[in-house]
Amino acid sequence: MSTGTPLAALVLRLGVALGAVAALSAAVPETVNAQCIDEAIRDELNARRRYRGVRERLFQKALRHEISIMGGVYAADLLSASYLLQAAYTFHVTEDLGLEASFAYSQSASELVRIIEQDRGISLVRIDAPVYVYQAHLIWTLAYGKLRWFGDGISRFDFNLAIGGGLTDNQTARGLTFSAGLGIKFFFDEWFSIRFDIRDQVLQQELLGESTIVNNITATLGLSVFLPFSP
């Protein structure tokens, strides 16, 4: 009886050890399976995120030519607001810097001058005289991003700063003009964009015998075509 008791205890311990090993072996596949499931869920979420439109493709501007046609408002300090027609050519030296040359046409208008002329019965200035604006600007892209349209296509947009100057030619001003402003462009496909610009033109202008420094504001909306069509 004394020799059987240690043997039974040994058998009991061996059984307990084998049971622990079996339990551990069963737990390892469950842990591996859980990790595999987590990785599968992560891959599926990443795939969905990519499908929603996250793309690396960007609109390229460097070493391309941009031709723009725009229309808008010409609001002069000494005159009333009038329409503005403008054409511009831009050569993009890099993705961030471009050189722009532009020509704009408007007509002068002034309700104040019209009232004075009607009251006094005299003609002071030609109200509908043409206004020609020749300018050159350095275009510096400050920031850019991506915009998703109605849950489908993705286009690029950027904000830019324009600094330059030129010449304003009309009956009240024939002199140098300093110009600065901000613009935003929305790029579509590889060759087309929509642009919106606001610029402040500072010049010396004379009306009714008085000369003063004025700030003439222009706001334009237009279309641009990039050449070559494929970068």
Protein backbone atom coordinates (compact mmCIF):
# COMPACT_ATOMS: atom_id res chain seq x y z
CA MET A 1 0.00 0.00 0.00
CA SER A 2 2.85 2.40 0.77
CA THR A 3 4.45 1.83 -2.68
CA GLY A 4 1.18 2.32 -4.57
CA THR A 5 0.43 5.78 -3.25
CA PRO A 6 3.47 7.57 -4.79
CA LEU A 7 2.78 5.85 -8.12
CA ALA A 8 -0.82 7.02 -8.14
CA ALA A 9 0.27 10.54 -7.29
CA LEU A 10 2.78 10.47 -10.16
CA VAL A 11 0.13 9.28 -12.61
CA LEU A 12 -2.21 12.01 -11.39
CA ARG A 13 0.44 14.71 -11.88
CA LEU A 14 1.24 13.39 -15.33
CA GLY A 15 -2.43 13.57 -16.29
CA VAL A 16 -2.70 17.14 -15.06
CA ALA A 17 0.40 18.12 -17.06
CA LEU A 18 -0.93 16.51 -20.24
CA GLY A 19 -4.25 18.33 -19.77
CA ALA A 20 -2.48 21.69 -19.42
CA VAL A 21 -0.46 21.06 -22.58
CA ALA A 22 -3.64 20.19 -24.48
CA ALA A 23 -5.38 23.34 -23.27
CA LEU A 24 -2.40 25.48 -24.26
CA SER A 25 -2.30 23.88 -27.70
CA ALA A 26 -5.97 24.66 -28.19
CA ALA A 27 -5.54 28.32 -27.13
CA VAL A 28 -2.66 29.05 -29.55
CA PRO A 29 -4.72 28.50 -32.75
CA GLU A 30 -7.49 30.71 -31.33
CA THR A 31 -4.96 33.53 -30.78
CA VAL A 32 -3.55 33.08 -34.29
CA ASN A 33 -7.05 33.03 -35.74
CA ALA A 34 -7.93 36.24 -33.88
CA GLN A 35 -4.82 37.96 -35.26
CA CYS A 36 -5.65 36.80 -38.78
CA ILE A 37 -9.20 38.16 -38.44
CA ASP A 38 -7.87 41.53 -37.21
CA GLU A 39 -5.48 41.75 -40.15
CA ALA A 40 -8.24 40.84 -42.59
CA ILE A 41 -10.51 43.57 -41.19
CA ARG A 42 -7.68 46.10 -41.39
CA ASP A 43 -6.93 45.19 -45.04
CA GLU A 44 -10.61 45.49 -45.93
CA LEU A 45 -10.86 48.94 -44.33
CA ASN A 46 -7.75 50.12 -46.17
CA ALA A 47 -9.16 48.80 -49.44
CA ARG A 48 -12.42 50.68 -48.86
CA ARG A 49 -10.49 53.82 -48.02
CA ARG A 50 -8.53 53.56 -51.27
CA TYR A 51 -11.70 52.91 -53.23
CA ARG A 52 -13.27 56.09 -51.89
CA GLY A 53 -10.83 58.08 -53.95
CA VAL A 54 -7.51 58.57 -52.17
CA ARG A 55 -5.14 58.83 -55.12
CA GLU A 56 -1.55 59.96 -55.48
CA ARG A 57 -2.08 61.58 -58.87
CA LEU A 58 -1.69 65.39 -58.93
CA PHE A 59 -2.31 68.03 -61.58
CA GLN A 60 1.09 69.05 -62.95
CA LYS A 61 1.81 72.69 -63.86
CA ALA A 62 5.60 72.87 -64.13
CA LEU A 63 6.89 73.91 -67.59
CA ARG A 64 3.36 74.19 -69.00
CA HIS A 65 1.57 77.11 -70.66
CA GLU A 66 -1.77 78.41 -69.35
CA ILE A 67 -4.15 80.47 -71.47
CA SER A 68 -7.05 82.11 -69.60
CA ILE A 69 -10.20 84.00 -70.57
CA MET A 70 -12.03 85.84 -67.77
CA GLY A 71 -14.84 88.24 -67.09
CA GLY A 72 -15.88 90.17 -64.03
CA VAL A 73 -16.23 93.53 -62.31
CA TYR A 74 -13.96 96.59 -62.34
CA ALA A 75 -14.67 98.75 -59.28
CA ALA A 76 -12.75 102.03 -59.41
CA ASP A 77 -12.39 104.43 -56.50
CA LEU A 78 -13.32 107.57 -58.45
CA LEU A 79 -15.67 105.85 -60.89
CA SER A 80 -18.64 103.51 -60.67
CA ALA A 81 -18.26 99.74 -61.05
CA SER A 82 -18.25 98.45 -64.61
CA TYR A 83 -17.73 95.17 -66.42
CA LEU A 84 -14.24 93.79 -67.13
CA LEU A 85 -13.01 91.48 -69.90
CA GLN A 86 -9.56 89.96 -69.49
CA ALA A 87 -7.18 87.54 -71.21
CA ALA A 88 -4.00 86.16 -69.67
CA TYR A 89 -1.03 83.97 -70.53
CA THR A 90 0.97 82.22 -67.81
CA PHE A 91 4.15 80.16 -68.05
CA HIS A 92 4.61 77.93 -65.00
CA VAL A 93 8.33 77.78 -64.24
CA THR A 94 7.78 75.31 -61.39
CA GLU A 95 4.77 73.86 -59.59
CA ASP A 96 4.80 76.88 -57.25
CA LEU A 97 5.95 79.79 -59.44
CA GLY A 98 4.50 81.20 -62.65
CA LEU A 99 4.91 84.32 -64.80
CA GLU A 100 1.67 85.89 -66.07
CA ALA A 101 1.01 88.59 -68.67
CA SER A 102 -2.53 89.94 -69.04
CA PHE A 103 -4.65 92.46 -70.91
CA ALA A 104 -7.99 93.77 -69.62
CA TYR A 105 -10.66 96.02 -71.09
CA SER A 106 -13.40 97.99 -69.37
CA GLN A 107 -15.38 101.23 -69.71
CA SER A 108 -15.32 104.11 -67.29
CA ALA A 109 -18.58 105.04 -65.59
CA SER A 110 -19.41 107.56 -62.89
CA GLU A 111 -22.85 108.36 -61.55
CA LEU A 112 -21.44 111.36 -59.64
CA VAL A 113 -20.01 112.93 -62.80
CA ARG A 114 -23.26 112.23 -64.64
CA ILE A 115 -25.29 114.00 -61.93
CA ILE A 116 -22.96 117.03 -61.95
CA GLU A 117 -23.11 117.26 -65.74
CA GLN A 118 -26.91 117.07 -65.75
CA ASP A 119 -27.16 119.69 -63.00
CA ARG A 120 -24.78 122.19 -64.62
CA GLY A 121 -25.57 121.39 -68.24
CA ILE A 122 -21.90 120.86 -69.13
CA SER A 123 -19.74 117.96 -70.26
CA LEU A 124 -16.83 117.24 -67.91
CA VAL A 125 -15.44 113.89 -69.00
CA ARG A 126 -16.44 111.15 -71.39
CA ILE A 127 -18.28 108.66 -69.18
CA ASP A 128 -18.13 105.68 -71.51
CA ALA A 129 -14.42 106.06 -72.34
CA PRO A 130 -12.48 102.79 -72.73
CA VAL A 131 -10.11 101.57 -70.03
CA TYR A 132 -7.09 99.43 -71.02
CA VAL A 133 -5.01 97.63 -68.40
CA TYR A 134 -1.70 95.95 -69.30
CA GLN A 135 -0.07 93.97 -66.49
CA ALA A 136 2.47 91.32 -65.56
CA HIS A 137 2.41 89.26 -62.35
CA LEU A 138 4.47 86.77 -60.46
CA ILE A 139 2.13 83.95 -59.41
CA TRP A 140 3.13 82.10 -56.24
CA THR A 141 1.14 79.06 -55.15
CA LEU A 142 0.67 79.25 -51.38
CA ALA A 143 -1.21 75.99 -50.72
CA TYR A 144 -3.01 73.23 -52.56
CA GLY A 145 -5.34 70.37 -51.77
CA LYS A 146 -7.85 67.87 -53.10
CA LEU A 147 -11.60 68.24 -53.34
CA ARG A 148 -14.11 65.42 -53.72
CA TRP A 149 -17.15 66.25 -55.86
CA PHE A 150 -20.47 64.67 -54.81
CA GLY A 151 -18.81 61.48 -53.51
CA ASP A 152 -17.30 60.59 -56.89
CA GLY A 153 -14.50 62.37 -58.72
CA ILE A 154 -11.57 64.10 -57.06
CA SER A 155 -9.96 67.30 -58.37
CA ARG A 156 -7.09 69.43 -57.17
CA PHE A 157 -7.31 73.09 -56.16
CA ASP A 158 -4.76 75.65 -55.06
CA PHE A 159 -4.52 79.14 -53.61
CA ASN A 160 -2.10 81.61 -55.16
CA LEU A 161 -0.70 85.07 -54.52
CA ALA A 162 -0.20 87.48 -57.43
CA ILE A 163 2.25 90.41 -57.21
CA GLY A 164 3.09 92.69 -60.11
CA GLY A 165 2.18 95.81 -61.97
CA GLY A 166 1.78 97.44 -65.34
CA LEU A 167 0.03 100.31 -67.07
CA THR A 168 -3.54 101.64 -66.88
CA ASP A 169 -4.57 103.70 -69.92
CA ASN A 170 -7.78 105.75 -69.85
CA GLN A 171 -8.84 109.40 -69.81
CA THR A 172 -8.24 109.76 -66.07
CA ALA A 173 -5.01 107.80 -65.66
CA ARG A 174 -2.01 107.08 -67.86
CA GLY A 175 0.63 105.77 -65.53
CA LEU A 176 2.17 102.91 -63.66
CA THR A 177 -0.08 100.58 -61.70
CA PHE A 178 0.91 98.33 -58.80
CA SER A 179 -1.20 95.20 -58.44
CA ALA A 180 -1.55 92.41 -55.86
CA GLY A 181 -4.21 89.88 -55.04
CA LEU A 182 -5.30 86.34 -54.31
CA GLY A 183 -6.69 83.63 -56.53
CA ILE A 184 -8.00 80.10 -56.42
CA LYS A 185 -8.01 77.49 -59.20
CA PHE A 186 -9.93 74.22 -59.50
CA PHE A 187 -8.21 71.71 -61.80
CA PHE A 188 -10.10 69.12 -63.86
CA ASP A 189 -8.71 66.36 -66.05
CA GLU A 190 -5.10 67.13 -67.12
CA TRP A 191 -5.58 70.36 -69.08
CA PHE A 192 -8.56 72.34 -67.82
CA SER A 193 -9.25 74.58 -64.79
CA ILE A 194 -11.66 77.18 -63.44
CA ARG A 195 -10.11 80.23 -61.77
CA PHE A 196 -11.33 83.05 -59.54
CA ASP A 197 -9.17 86.12 -58.83
CA ILE A 198 -9.45 89.26 -56.73
CA ARG A 199 -6.80 91.94 -57.25
CA ASP A 200 -6.17 95.44 -55.97
CA GLN A 201 -4.72 97.91 -58.47
CA VAL A 202 -3.04 100.96 -56.95
CA LEU A 203 -2.45 103.94 -59.23
CA GLN A 204 -2.68 107.71 -59.47
CA GLN A 205 -5.92 108.90 -61.05
CA GLU A 206 -7.26 112.36 -61.88
CA LEU A 207 -10.91 113.40 -62.04
CA LEU A 208 -12.49 116.87 -62.05
CA GLY A 209 -9.10 118.51 -61.67
CA GLU A 210 -8.05 116.54 -58.61
CA SER A 211 -5.35 113.85 -58.59
CA THR A 212 -5.24 111.13 -55.96
CA ILE A 213 -3.94 107.62 -55.27
CA VAL A 214 -6.74 105.11 -55.76
CA ASN A 215 -7.39 101.43 -55.17
CA ASN A 216 -9.27 99.88 -58.07
CA ILE A 217 -10.57 96.39 -57.29
CA THR A 218 -11.12 93.70 -59.93
CA ALA A 219 -12.95 90.41 -59.38
CA THR A 220 -12.90 87.91 -62.25
CA LEU A 221 -14.08 84.38 -62.98
CA GLY A 222 -12.72 82.45 -65.93
CA LEU A 223 -11.50 79.32 -67.67
CA SER A 224 -7.95 78.14 -68.29
CA VAL A 225 -6.48 75.68 -70.77
CA PHE A 226 -3.04 74.12 -70.17
CA LEU A 227 -0.63 73.23 -72.96
CA PRO A 228 0.52 70.64 -73.74
CA PHE A 229 -2.72 68.84 -72.88
CA SER A 230 -0.82 65.95 -71.25
CA PRO A 231 2.12 66.84 -68.95
